[in-house]
C-alpha atoms as a PDB file:
ATOM      1  CA  UNK A   1     -71.537 -29.719   9.227  1.00  0.00           C
ATOM      2  CA  UNK A   2     -72.505 -29.990  12.856  1.00  0.00           C
ATOM      3  CA  UNK A   3     -71.207 -32.727  15.090  1.00  0.00           C
ATOM      4  CA  UNK A   4     -73.580 -35.525  15.850  1.00  0.00           C
ATOM      5  CA  UNK A   5     -74.224 -36.922  19.329  1.00  0.00           C
ATOM      6  CA  UNK A   6     -73.997 -40.682  18.793  1.00  0.00           C
ATOM      7  CA  UNK A   7     -74.661 -41.355  22.515  1.00  0.00           C
ATOM      8  CA  UNK A   8     -78.401 -40.972  21.763  1.00  0.00           C
ATOM      9  CA  UNK A   9     -78.403 -43.864  19.277  1.00  0.00           C
ATOM     10  CA  UNK A  10     -78.381 -47.544  20.307  1.00  0.00           C
ATOM     11  CA  UNK A  11     -75.423 -49.325  18.778  1.00  0.00           C
ATOM     12  CA  UNK A  12     -71.710 -50.061  19.136  1.00  0.00           C
ATOM     13  CA  UNK A  13     -68.417 -49.051  17.607  1.00  0.00           C
ATOM     14  CA  UNK A  14     -66.035 -51.482  15.907  1.00  0.00           C
ATOM     15  CA  UNK A  15     -62.305 -50.693  15.618  1.00  0.00           C
ATOM     16  CA  UNK A  16     -60.184 -51.874  12.736  1.00  0.00           C
ATOM     17  CA  UNK A  17     -56.392 -51.579  12.884  1.00  0.00           C
ATOM     18  CA  UNK A  18     -54.267 -51.422   9.737  1.00  0.00           C
ATOM     19  CA  UNK A  19     -50.477 -51.596   9.819  1.00  0.00           C
ATOM     20  CA  UNK A  20     -48.112 -50.065   7.337  1.00  0.00           C
ATOM     21  CA  UNK A  21     -44.316 -50.077   6.928  1.00  0.00           C
ATOM     22  CA  UNK A  22     -42.861 -46.597   6.509  1.00  0.00           C
ATOM     23  CA  UNK A  23     -41.813 -47.633   2.999  1.00  0.00           C
ATOM     24  CA  UNK A  24     -45.313 -48.642   1.949  1.00  0.00           C
ATOM     25  CA  UNK A  25     -46.961 -45.972  -0.216  1.00  0.00           C
ATOM     26  CA  UNK A  26     -50.272 -46.599   1.560  1.00  0.00           C
ATOM     27  CA  UNK A  27     -48.643 -45.245   4.759  1.00  0.00           C
ATOM     28  CA  UNK A  28     -48.371 -41.896   3.033  1.00  0.00           C
ATOM     29  CA  UNK A  29     -51.908 -41.481   1.658  1.00  0.00           C
ATOM     30  CA  UNK A  30     -55.416 -41.309   2.986  1.00  0.00           C
ATOM     31  CA  UNK A  31     -57.718 -44.309   2.702  1.00  0.00           C
ATOM     32  CA  UNK A  32     -59.279 -42.869  -0.443  1.00  0.00           C
ATOM     33  CA  UNK A  33     -55.866 -42.062  -1.940  1.00  0.00           C
ATOM     34  CA  UNK A  34     -56.767 -38.379  -2.058  1.00  0.00           C
ATOM     35  CA  UNK A  35     -53.973 -37.013   0.032  1.00  0.00           C
ATOM     36  CA  UNK A  36     -50.302 -37.886   0.149  1.00  0.00           C
ATOM     37  CA  UNK A  37     -47.753 -36.861   2.700  1.00  0.00           C
ATOM     38  CA  UNK A  38     -43.959 -37.065   2.970  1.00  0.00           C
ATOM     39  CA  UNK A  39     -44.428 -38.105   6.577  1.00  0.00           C
ATOM     40  CA  UNK A  40     -46.316 -41.382   7.154  1.00  0.00           C
ATOM     41  CA  UNK A  41     -49.925 -40.844   8.284  1.00  0.00           C
ATOM     42  CA  UNK A  42     -51.141 -42.712  11.324  1.00  0.00           C
ATOM     43  CA  UNK A  43     -49.542 -43.563  14.671  1.00  0.00           C
ATOM     44  CA  UNK A  44     -45.896 -44.607  15.034  1.00  0.00           C
ATOM     45  CA  UNK A  45     -45.832 -48.029  16.763  1.00  0.00           C
ATOM     46  CA  UNK A  46     -42.624 -47.237  18.678  1.00  0.00           C
ATOM     47  CA  UNK A  47     -44.128 -44.121  20.205  1.00  0.00           C
ATOM     48  CA  UNK A  48     -47.349 -45.938  21.096  1.00  0.00           C
ATOM     49  CA  UNK A  49     -45.400 -48.718  22.827  1.00  0.00           C
ATOM     50  CA  UNK A  50     -43.730 -46.092  25.017  1.00  0.00           C
ATOM     51  CA  UNK A  51     -47.128 -45.072  26.300  1.00  0.00           C
ATOM     52  CA  UNK A  52     -48.646 -48.485  27.124  1.00  0.00           C
ATOM     53  CA  UNK A  53     -48.320 -50.724  30.133  1.00  0.00           C
ATOM     54  CA  UNK A  54     -47.706 -54.484  29.797  1.00  0.00           C
ATOM     55  CA  UNK A  55     -48.372 -54.250  26.026  1.00  0.00           C
ATOM     56  CA  UNK A  56     -51.952 -53.207  26.650  1.00  0.00           C
ATOM     57  CA  UNK A  57     -53.491 -49.887  25.753  1.00  0.00           C
ATOM     58  CA  UNK A  58     -56.635 -48.343  24.335  1.00  0.00           C
ATOM     59  CA  UNK A  59     -57.958 -46.060  21.667  1.00  0.00           C
ATOM     60  CA  UNK A  60     -60.829 -43.673  22.145  1.00  0.00           C
ATOM     61  CA  UNK A  61     -63.554 -43.668  19.491  1.00  0.00           C
ATOM     62  CA  UNK A  62     -64.724 -40.324  18.058  1.00  0.00           C
ATOM     63  CA  UNK A  63     -68.382 -41.325  18.092  1.00  0.00           C
ATOM     64  CA  UNK A  64     -68.983 -41.730  21.848  1.00  0.00           C
ATOM     65  CA  UNK A  65     -65.603 -41.309  23.469  1.00  0.00           C
ATOM     66  CA  UNK A  66     -65.543 -44.947  24.616  1.00  0.00           C
ATOM     67  CA  UNK A  67     -62.226 -46.637  25.202  1.00  0.00           C
ATOM     68  CA  UNK A  68     -61.424 -49.732  23.154  1.00  0.00           C
ATOM     69  CA  UNK A  69     -58.662 -52.049  24.370  1.00  0.00           C
ATOM     70  CA  UNK A  70     -55.753 -52.741  22.057  1.00  0.00           C
ATOM     71  CA  UNK A  71     -53.355 -55.648  22.723  1.00  0.00           C
ATOM     72  CA  UNK A  72     -50.068 -54.445  21.282  1.00  0.00           C
ATOM     73  CA  UNK A  73     -48.638 -57.975  21.556  1.00  0.00           C
ATOM     74  CA  UNK A  74     -50.254 -58.639  18.131  1.00  0.00           C
ATOM     75  CA  UNK A  75     -47.555 -56.345  16.613  1.00  0.00           C
ATOM     76  CA  UNK A  76     -44.628 -58.075  18.327  1.00  0.00           C
ATOM     77  CA  UNK A  77     -43.016 -59.285  15.099  1.00  0.00           C
ATOM     78  CA  UNK A  78     -43.100 -55.792  13.484  1.00  0.00           C
ATOM     79  CA  UNK A  79     -40.311 -53.261  13.609  1.00  0.00           C
ATOM     80  CA  UNK A  80     -41.666 -50.540  15.991  1.00  0.00           C
ATOM     81  CA  UNK A  81     -39.413 -47.892  14.325  1.00  0.00           C
ATOM     82  CA  UNK A  82     -40.814 -48.599  10.814  1.00  0.00           C
ATOM     83  CA  UNK A  83     -44.433 -49.521  11.546  1.00  0.00           C
ATOM     84  CA  UNK A  84     -47.381 -47.106  11.530  1.00  0.00           C
ATOM     85  CA  UNK A  85     -50.900 -47.966  12.710  1.00  0.00           C
ATOM     86  CA  UNK A  86     -54.171 -46.486  11.545  1.00  0.00           C
ATOM     87  CA  UNK A  87     -57.371 -46.929  13.478  1.00  0.00           C
ATOM     88  CA  UNK A  88     -60.685 -46.949  11.655  1.00  0.00           C
ATOM     89  CA  UNK A  89     -63.850 -46.532  13.772  1.00  0.00           C
ATOM     90  CA  UNK A  90     -67.198 -47.743  12.448  1.00  0.00           C
ATOM     91  CA  UNK A  91     -70.479 -47.093  14.214  1.00  0.00           C
ATOM     92  CA  UNK A  92     -72.903 -50.020  13.938  1.00  0.00           C
ATOM     93  CA  UNK A  93     -76.481 -48.983  14.868  1.00  0.00           C
ATOM     94  CA  UNK A  94     -78.837 -51.504  16.448  1.00  0.00           C
ATOM     95  CA  UNK A  95     -81.703 -50.175  14.308  1.00  0.00           C
ATOM     96  CA  UNK A  96     -80.475 -49.119  10.865  1.00  0.00           C
ATOM     97  CA  UNK A  97     -83.756 -47.495   9.805  1.00  0.00           C
ATOM     98  CA  UNK A  98     -83.898 -45.350  12.961  1.00  0.00           C
ATOM     99  CA  UNK A  99     -80.219 -44.453  12.489  1.00  0.00           C
ATOM    100  CA  UNK A 100     -80.780 -43.343   8.865  1.00  0.00           C
ATOM    101  CA  UNK A 101     -83.760 -41.212   9.958  1.00  0.00           C
ATOM    102  CA  UNK A 102     -81.696 -39.695  12.771  1.00  0.00           C
ATOM    103  CA  UNK A 103     -78.827 -38.831  10.330  1.00  0.00           C
ATOM    104  CA  UNK A 104     -81.275 -37.119   7.978  1.00  0.00           C
ATOM    105  CA  UNK A 105     -82.774 -35.098  10.827  1.00  0.00           C
ATOM    106  CA  UNK A 106     -79.301 -34.174  12.212  1.00  0.00           C
ATOM    107  CA  UNK A 107     -78.327 -32.854   8.789  1.00  0.00           C
END
């Protein structure tokens, strides 16, 4: 499947953040439950906190490469050594019909 250039389509990207404790079985499987891993999947909160300044950072979306701010203060009550984050990116087109036609054409 070829990569699609989302920069040509009017719309925006929403970012959802899910948190999982290392002991939570969801931390070890994909969203569809199809893959499990001995090592938690996602991003280790402690390692992310080492890379941010003043509790603020960003994630880059795979659709357009835009940076989306993340306030890590929202995770202050969580154990950074046991918490894993997963970022889900969802592209929201301004014109759904045009987007559907574009996806069909792009293959």
